Amino acid sequence: MCLFCKIINKEIPSEIILEDDDFMAFHDINPKAPVHILAIPKSHVDSFSEVSSSMMADMTIFIQNVAKEMDIEKSGYRVITNIGDNGGQEVKHLHFHVLGGAKLAWTHLSDSNPKVFL
């Protein structure tokens, strides 16, 4: 069972901020912004590459509700999902990072030279 499935089953504690029958949102333990929430489906899906369009439709509404709950819907926020090893996915359970609470920089790519990867 993956880490996030254990959180869903309440085997590992987390600071849950929003939950319904299908999704859960909780604070990231290693925040990268003043607000850093992870939003996940309760049913195990490995990554964005495998998610159904119907689940994504419902997930979109849930993430919008997370932004309202965290009071960042008007000031702005970023939603990120990492896919696979090269995309930086560390936990093989679909999850979205919801980041906000400040003007967010994009510094990790600002000085990148794409030719290095070619």
N, C-alpha and C. Protein backbone atom coordinates (compact mmCIF):
# COMPACT_ATOMS: atom_id res chain seq x y z
N MET A 1 0.84 -1.18 0.00
CA MET A 1 0.00 0.00 0.00
C MET A 1 0.89 1.24 0.00
N CYS A 2 0.56 2.21 -0.83
CA CYS A 2 1.39 3.41 -0.95
C CYS A 2 1.17 4.37 0.23
N LEU A 3 2.07 5.32 0.35
CA LEU A 3 2.03 6.30 1.43
C LEU A 3 0.69 7.03 1.49
N PHE A 4 0.19 7.50 0.34
CA PHE A 4 -1.05 8.27 0.35
C PHE A 4 -2.25 7.39 0.67
N CYS A 5 -2.24 6.13 0.26
CA CYS A 5 -3.33 5.21 0.63
C CYS A 5 -3.35 5.02 2.14
N LYS A 6 -2.17 4.98 2.77
CA LYS A 6 -2.10 4.88 4.23
C LYS A 6 -2.64 6.13 4.90
N ILE A 7 -2.40 7.29 4.30
CA ILE A 7 -2.97 8.54 4.84
C ILE A 7 -4.48 8.51 4.70
N ILE A 8 -4.99 8.07 3.56
CA ILE A 8 -6.43 7.96 3.34
C ILE A 8 -7.06 7.04 4.38
N ASN A 9 -6.39 5.94 4.68
CA ASN A 9 -6.89 4.96 5.65
C ASN A 9 -6.63 5.37 7.10
N LYS A 10 -6.05 6.57 7.29
CA LYS A 10 -5.75 7.11 8.62
C LYS A 10 -4.73 6.26 9.38
N GLU A 11 -3.89 5.54 8.63
CA GLU A 11 -2.79 4.78 9.24
C GLU A 11 -1.59 5.68 9.51
N ILE A 12 -1.50 6.77 8.77
CA ILE A 12 -0.46 7.78 8.95
C ILE A 12 -1.17 9.11 9.19
N PRO A 13 -0.80 9.83 10.23
CA PRO A 13 -1.48 11.10 10.50
C PRO A 13 -1.15 12.17 9.46
N SER A 14 -2.10 13.04 9.23
CA SER A 14 -1.90 14.18 8.34
C SER A 14 -2.82 15.30 8.80
N GLU A 15 -2.49 16.49 8.36
CA GLU A 15 -3.31 17.65 8.70
C GLU A 15 -4.30 17.89 7.55
N ILE A 16 -5.44 17.21 7.65
CA ILE A 16 -6.45 17.26 6.59
C ILE A 16 -7.17 18.60 6.65
N ILE A 17 -7.32 19.21 5.47
CA ILE A 17 -8.04 20.50 5.43
C ILE A 17 -9.38 20.38 4.70
N LEU A 18 -9.54 19.35 3.88
CA LEU A 18 -10.81 19.14 3.18
C LEU A 18 -10.89 17.68 2.77
N GLU A 19 -12.08 17.10 2.89
CA GLU A 19 -12.27 15.70 2.54
C GLU A 19 -13.72 15.48 2.16
N ASP A 20 -13.92 14.64 1.15
CA ASP A 20 -15.26 14.18 0.81
C ASP A 20 -15.18 12.68 0.53
N ASP A 21 -16.20 12.11 -0.07
CA ASP A 21 -16.22 10.67 -0.32
C ASP A 21 -15.13 10.23 -1.30
N ASP A 22 -14.71 11.12 -2.20
CA ASP A 22 -13.81 10.72 -3.27
C ASP A 22 -12.39 11.30 -3.19
N PHE A 23 -12.22 12.40 -2.45
CA PHE A 23 -10.94 13.11 -2.46
C PHE A 23 -10.56 13.56 -1.05
N MET A 24 -9.27 13.84 -0.90
CA MET A 24 -8.75 14.34 0.37
C MET A 24 -7.69 15.39 0.05
N ALA A 25 -7.60 16.39 0.92
CA ALA A 25 -6.56 17.42 0.79
C ALA A 25 -5.94 17.63 2.16
N PHE A 26 -4.61 17.71 2.17
CA PHE A 26 -3.88 17.86 3.43
C PHE A 26 -2.61 18.67 3.19
N HIS A 27 -2.07 19.22 4.27
CA HIS A 27 -0.86 20.02 4.18
C HIS A 27 0.33 19.15 3.80
N ASP A 28 1.17 19.66 2.90
CA ASP A 28 2.41 18.99 2.54
C ASP A 28 3.37 19.10 3.72
N ILE A 29 4.10 18.01 4.01
CA ILE A 29 5.02 18.04 5.16
C ILE A 29 6.31 18.79 4.85
N ASN A 30 6.53 19.10 3.57
CA ASN A 30 7.73 19.85 3.17
C ASN A 30 7.29 21.01 2.27
N PRO A 31 6.61 22.02 2.84
CA PRO A 31 5.99 23.07 2.02
C PRO A 31 7.00 23.90 1.24
N LYS A 32 6.59 24.26 0.02
CA LYS A 32 7.39 25.10 -0.87
C LYS A 32 6.78 26.49 -1.05
N ALA A 33 5.69 26.76 -0.34
CA ALA A 33 5.00 28.05 -0.39
C ALA A 33 4.26 28.22 0.94
N PRO A 34 3.82 29.44 1.26
CA PRO A 34 3.06 29.63 2.50
C PRO A 34 1.84 28.71 2.60
N VAL A 35 1.20 28.46 1.48
CA VAL A 35 0.13 27.46 1.40
C VAL A 35 0.62 26.38 0.46
N HIS A 36 0.71 25.16 0.95
CA HIS A 36 1.12 24.02 0.11
C HIS A 36 0.29 22.82 0.53
N ILE A 37 -0.72 22.54 -0.26
CA ILE A 37 -1.68 21.48 0.01
C ILE A 37 -1.53 20.39 -1.05
N LEU A 38 -1.67 19.14 -0.64
CA LEU A 38 -1.73 18.03 -1.58
C LEU A 38 -3.18 17.59 -1.68
N ALA A 39 -3.68 17.50 -2.91
CA ALA A 39 -5.05 17.03 -3.17
C ALA A 39 -4.94 15.70 -3.90
N ILE A 40 -5.62 14.67 -3.37
CA ILE A 40 -5.49 13.33 -3.91
C ILE A 40 -6.85 12.66 -4.04
N PRO A 41 -6.98 11.74 -5.01
CA PRO A 41 -8.19 10.92 -5.03
C PRO A 41 -8.06 9.82 -3.97
N LYS A 42 -9.17 9.40 -3.42
CA LYS A 42 -9.13 8.33 -2.43
C LYS A 42 -8.94 6.96 -3.08
N SER A 43 -9.34 6.84 -4.32
CA SER A 43 -9.07 5.59 -5.04
C SER A 43 -7.68 5.71 -5.65
N HIS A 44 -6.92 4.62 -5.58
CA HIS A 44 -5.54 4.67 -6.04
C HIS A 44 -5.46 4.73 -7.57
N VAL A 45 -4.81 5.77 -8.05
CA VAL A 45 -4.46 5.95 -9.45
C VAL A 45 -2.98 6.31 -9.42
N ASP A 46 -2.16 5.61 -10.20
CA ASP A 46 -0.71 5.83 -10.13
C ASP A 46 -0.28 7.25 -10.49
N SER A 47 -0.85 7.80 -11.58
CA SER A 47 -0.41 9.13 -12.01
C SER A 47 -1.45 9.75 -12.94
N PHE A 48 -1.18 10.97 -13.32
CA PHE A 48 -2.04 11.71 -14.25
C PHE A 48 -2.19 10.97 -15.57
N SER A 49 -1.19 10.21 -15.97
CA SER A 49 -1.24 9.46 -17.22
C SER A 49 -2.34 8.41 -17.22
N GLU A 50 -2.82 8.03 -16.05
CA GLU A 50 -3.81 6.96 -15.94
C GLU A 50 -5.18 7.42 -15.46
N VAL A 51 -5.34 8.70 -15.17
CA VAL A 51 -6.59 9.18 -14.59
C VAL A 51 -7.67 9.31 -15.67
N SER A 52 -8.91 9.03 -15.28
CA SER A 52 -10.03 9.16 -16.22
C SER A 52 -10.48 10.61 -16.30
N SER A 53 -11.11 10.95 -17.40
CA SER A 53 -11.59 12.31 -17.57
C SER A 53 -12.70 12.62 -16.56
N SER A 54 -13.50 11.64 -16.20
CA SER A 54 -14.57 11.90 -15.23
C SER A 54 -13.99 12.18 -13.85
N MET A 55 -12.94 11.44 -13.47
CA MET A 55 -12.30 11.73 -12.18
C MET A 55 -11.69 13.12 -12.20
N MET A 56 -11.05 13.50 -13.31
CA MET A 56 -10.44 14.82 -13.39
C MET A 56 -11.48 15.93 -13.30
N ALA A 57 -12.66 15.70 -13.88
CA ALA A 57 -13.71 16.71 -13.78
C ALA A 57 -14.10 16.93 -12.32
N ASP A 58 -14.25 15.85 -11.58
CA ASP A 58 -14.59 15.97 -10.16
C ASP A 58 -13.42 16.51 -9.35
N MET A 59 -12.22 16.13 -9.72
CA MET A 59 -11.02 16.60 -9.02
C MET A 59 -10.85 18.11 -9.20
N THR A 60 -11.20 18.60 -10.38
CA THR A 60 -11.12 20.05 -10.63
C THR A 60 -11.98 20.82 -9.65
N ILE A 61 -13.20 20.38 -9.47
CA ILE A 61 -14.11 21.04 -8.52
C ILE A 61 -13.55 20.96 -7.10
N PHE A 62 -13.02 19.79 -6.75
CA PHE A 62 -12.45 19.62 -5.41
C PHE A 62 -11.27 20.58 -5.19
N ILE A 63 -10.38 20.67 -6.16
CA ILE A 63 -9.22 21.57 -6.02
C ILE A 63 -9.68 23.02 -5.93
N GLN A 64 -10.69 23.41 -6.68
CA GLN A 64 -11.23 24.76 -6.56
C GLN A 64 -11.77 25.00 -5.15
N ASN A 65 -12.39 23.99 -4.56
CA ASN A 65 -12.89 24.11 -3.19
C ASN A 65 -11.75 24.19 -2.17
N VAL A 66 -10.65 23.49 -2.45
CA VAL A 66 -9.46 23.59 -1.61
C VAL A 66 -8.95 25.04 -1.62
N ALA A 67 -8.88 25.63 -2.81
CA ALA A 67 -8.42 27.02 -2.92
C ALA A 67 -9.33 27.96 -2.13
N LYS A 68 -10.63 27.73 -2.16
CA LYS A 68 -11.56 28.55 -1.38
C LYS A 68 -11.34 28.34 0.11
N GLU A 69 -11.19 27.08 0.51
CA GLU A 69 -10.97 26.75 1.92
C GLU A 69 -9.71 27.42 2.47
N MET A 70 -8.68 27.49 1.63
CA MET A 70 -7.40 28.08 2.04
C MET A 70 -7.34 29.59 1.78
N ASP A 71 -8.43 30.15 1.25
CA ASP A 71 -8.56 31.58 0.99
C ASP A 71 -7.49 32.09 0.01
N ILE A 72 -7.24 31.31 -1.04
CA ILE A 72 -6.29 31.73 -2.07
C ILE A 72 -6.94 31.81 -3.45
N GLU A 73 -8.24 31.56 -3.53
CA GLU A 73 -8.89 31.53 -4.84
C GLU A 73 -8.88 32.89 -5.54
N LYS A 74 -8.89 33.96 -4.82
CA LYS A 74 -8.90 35.29 -5.44
C LYS A 74 -7.48 35.83 -5.68
N SER A 75 -6.57 35.55 -4.77
CA SER A 75 -5.20 36.07 -4.90
C SER A 75 -4.39 35.28 -5.92
N GLY A 76 -4.77 34.05 -6.15
CA GLY A 76 -4.08 33.22 -7.14
C GLY A 76 -3.31 32.08 -6.51
N TYR A 77 -3.14 31.04 -7.31
CA TYR A 77 -2.44 29.85 -6.83
C TYR A 77 -1.96 29.04 -8.02
N ARG A 78 -1.13 28.06 -7.74
CA ARG A 78 -0.57 27.19 -8.76
C ARG A 78 -0.99 25.76 -8.45
N VAL A 79 -1.33 24.99 -9.49
CA VAL A 79 -1.66 23.57 -9.35
C VAL A 79 -0.66 22.80 -10.20
N ILE A 80 0.04 21.86 -9.56
CA ILE A 80 1.10 21.10 -10.23
C ILE A 80 0.90 19.61 -9.95
N THR A 81 1.10 18.80 -10.98
CA THR A 81 1.23 17.37 -10.76
C THR A 81 2.48 16.89 -11.49
N ASN A 82 3.22 16.03 -10.84
CA ASN A 82 4.43 15.45 -11.43
C ASN A 82 4.09 14.05 -11.92
N ILE A 83 4.60 13.69 -13.09
CA ILE A 83 4.27 12.40 -13.70
C ILE A 83 5.56 11.64 -13.98
N GLY A 84 5.69 10.48 -13.36
CA GLY A 84 6.83 9.61 -13.61
C GLY A 84 8.14 10.12 -13.03
N ASP A 85 9.15 9.29 -13.17
CA ASP A 85 10.46 9.60 -12.59
C ASP A 85 11.06 10.88 -13.16
N ASN A 86 11.05 11.05 -14.47
CA ASN A 86 11.63 12.25 -15.07
C ASN A 86 10.83 13.50 -14.75
N GLY A 87 9.55 13.34 -14.44
CA GLY A 87 8.72 14.48 -14.06
C GLY A 87 8.81 14.81 -12.58
N GLY A 88 9.55 14.02 -11.82
CA GLY A 88 9.75 14.30 -10.41
C GLY A 88 8.71 13.70 -9.48
N GLN A 89 7.92 12.74 -9.97
CA GLN A 89 6.91 12.12 -9.11
C GLN A 89 7.59 11.22 -8.09
N GLU A 90 7.40 11.52 -6.81
CA GLU A 90 8.03 10.74 -5.74
C GLU A 90 7.09 9.69 -5.16
N VAL A 91 5.79 10.00 -5.09
CA VAL A 91 4.81 9.05 -4.58
C VAL A 91 3.94 8.62 -5.77
N LYS A 92 3.88 7.34 -6.02
CA LYS A 92 3.15 6.81 -7.17
C LYS A 92 1.66 6.69 -6.84
N HIS A 93 1.07 7.83 -6.55
CA HIS A 93 -0.37 7.99 -6.32
C HIS A 93 -0.68 9.39 -6.83
N LEU A 94 -1.63 9.50 -7.74
CA LEU A 94 -1.98 10.79 -8.32
C LEU A 94 -2.16 11.83 -7.22
N HIS A 95 -1.46 12.93 -7.34
CA HIS A 95 -1.63 14.02 -6.39
C HIS A 95 -1.32 15.35 -7.07
N PHE A 96 -1.99 16.36 -6.59
CA PHE A 96 -1.81 17.72 -7.10
C PHE A 96 -1.32 18.60 -5.96
N HIS A 97 -0.28 19.35 -6.24
CA HIS A 97 0.23 20.35 -5.31
C HIS A 97 -0.55 21.63 -5.57
N VAL A 98 -1.17 22.17 -4.54
CA VAL A 98 -1.87 23.44 -4.62
C VAL A 98 -1.04 24.42 -3.80
N LEU A 99 -0.41 25.37 -4.49
CA LEU A 99 0.52 26.30 -3.84
C LEU A 99 0.01 27.73 -3.97
N GLY A 100 0.13 28.49 -2.91
CA GLY A 100 -0.29 29.88 -2.95
C GLY A 100 0.11 30.60 -1.67
N GLY A 101 -0.54 31.71 -1.43
CA GLY A 101 -0.26 32.48 -0.24
C GLY A 101 0.82 33.54 -0.42
N ALA A 102 1.39 33.60 -1.61
CA ALA A 102 2.42 34.60 -1.94
C ALA A 102 2.58 34.63 -3.45
N LYS A 103 3.25 35.66 -3.94
CA LYS A 103 3.56 35.70 -5.37
C LYS A 103 4.64 34.66 -5.62
N LEU A 104 4.31 33.64 -6.40
CA LEU A 104 5.18 32.49 -6.58
C LEU A 104 6.16 32.71 -7.73
N ALA A 105 7.41 32.43 -7.46
CA ALA A 105 8.46 32.51 -8.49
C ALA A 105 8.52 31.19 -9.24
N TRP A 106 9.23 31.19 -10.33
CA TRP A 106 9.45 29.98 -11.12
C TRP A 106 10.96 29.82 -11.28
N THR A 107 11.67 29.96 -10.18
CA THR A 107 13.12 30.08 -10.21
C THR A 107 13.84 28.83 -10.66
N HIS A 108 13.28 27.67 -10.41
CA HIS A 108 14.02 26.45 -10.77
C HIS A 108 14.17 26.28 -12.27
N LEU A 109 13.41 27.01 -13.07
CA LEU A 109 13.55 26.95 -14.51
C LEU A 109 14.05 28.26 -15.12
N SER A 110 14.12 29.31 -14.32
CA SER A 110 14.42 30.62 -14.88
C SER A 110 15.82 30.71 -15.48
N ASP A 111 16.76 29.95 -14.96
CA ASP A 111 18.11 30.02 -15.50
C ASP A 111 18.52 28.72 -16.20
N SER A 112 17.55 27.88 -16.49
CA SER A 112 17.84 26.61 -17.15
C SER A 112 18.21 26.81 -18.62
N ASN A 113 19.12 26.02 -19.09
CA ASN A 113 19.51 26.03 -20.49
C ASN A 113 18.97 24.75 -21.11
N PRO A 114 17.91 24.82 -21.93
CA PRO A 114 17.32 23.61 -22.48
C PRO A 114 18.29 22.78 -23.32
N LYS A 115 19.32 23.41 -23.86
CA LYS A 115 20.30 22.67 -24.68
C LYS A 115 21.06 21.64 -23.86
N VAL A 116 21.13 21.84 -22.55
CA VAL A 116 21.80 20.89 -21.68
C VAL A 116 21.10 19.53 -21.75
N PHE A 117 19.80 19.54 -21.98
CA PHE A 117 19.01 18.31 -21.98
C PHE A 117 18.91 17.67 -23.35
N LEU A 118 19.42 18.34 -24.39
CA LEU A 118 19.28 17.82 -25.75
C LEU A 118 20.49 17.02 -26.18
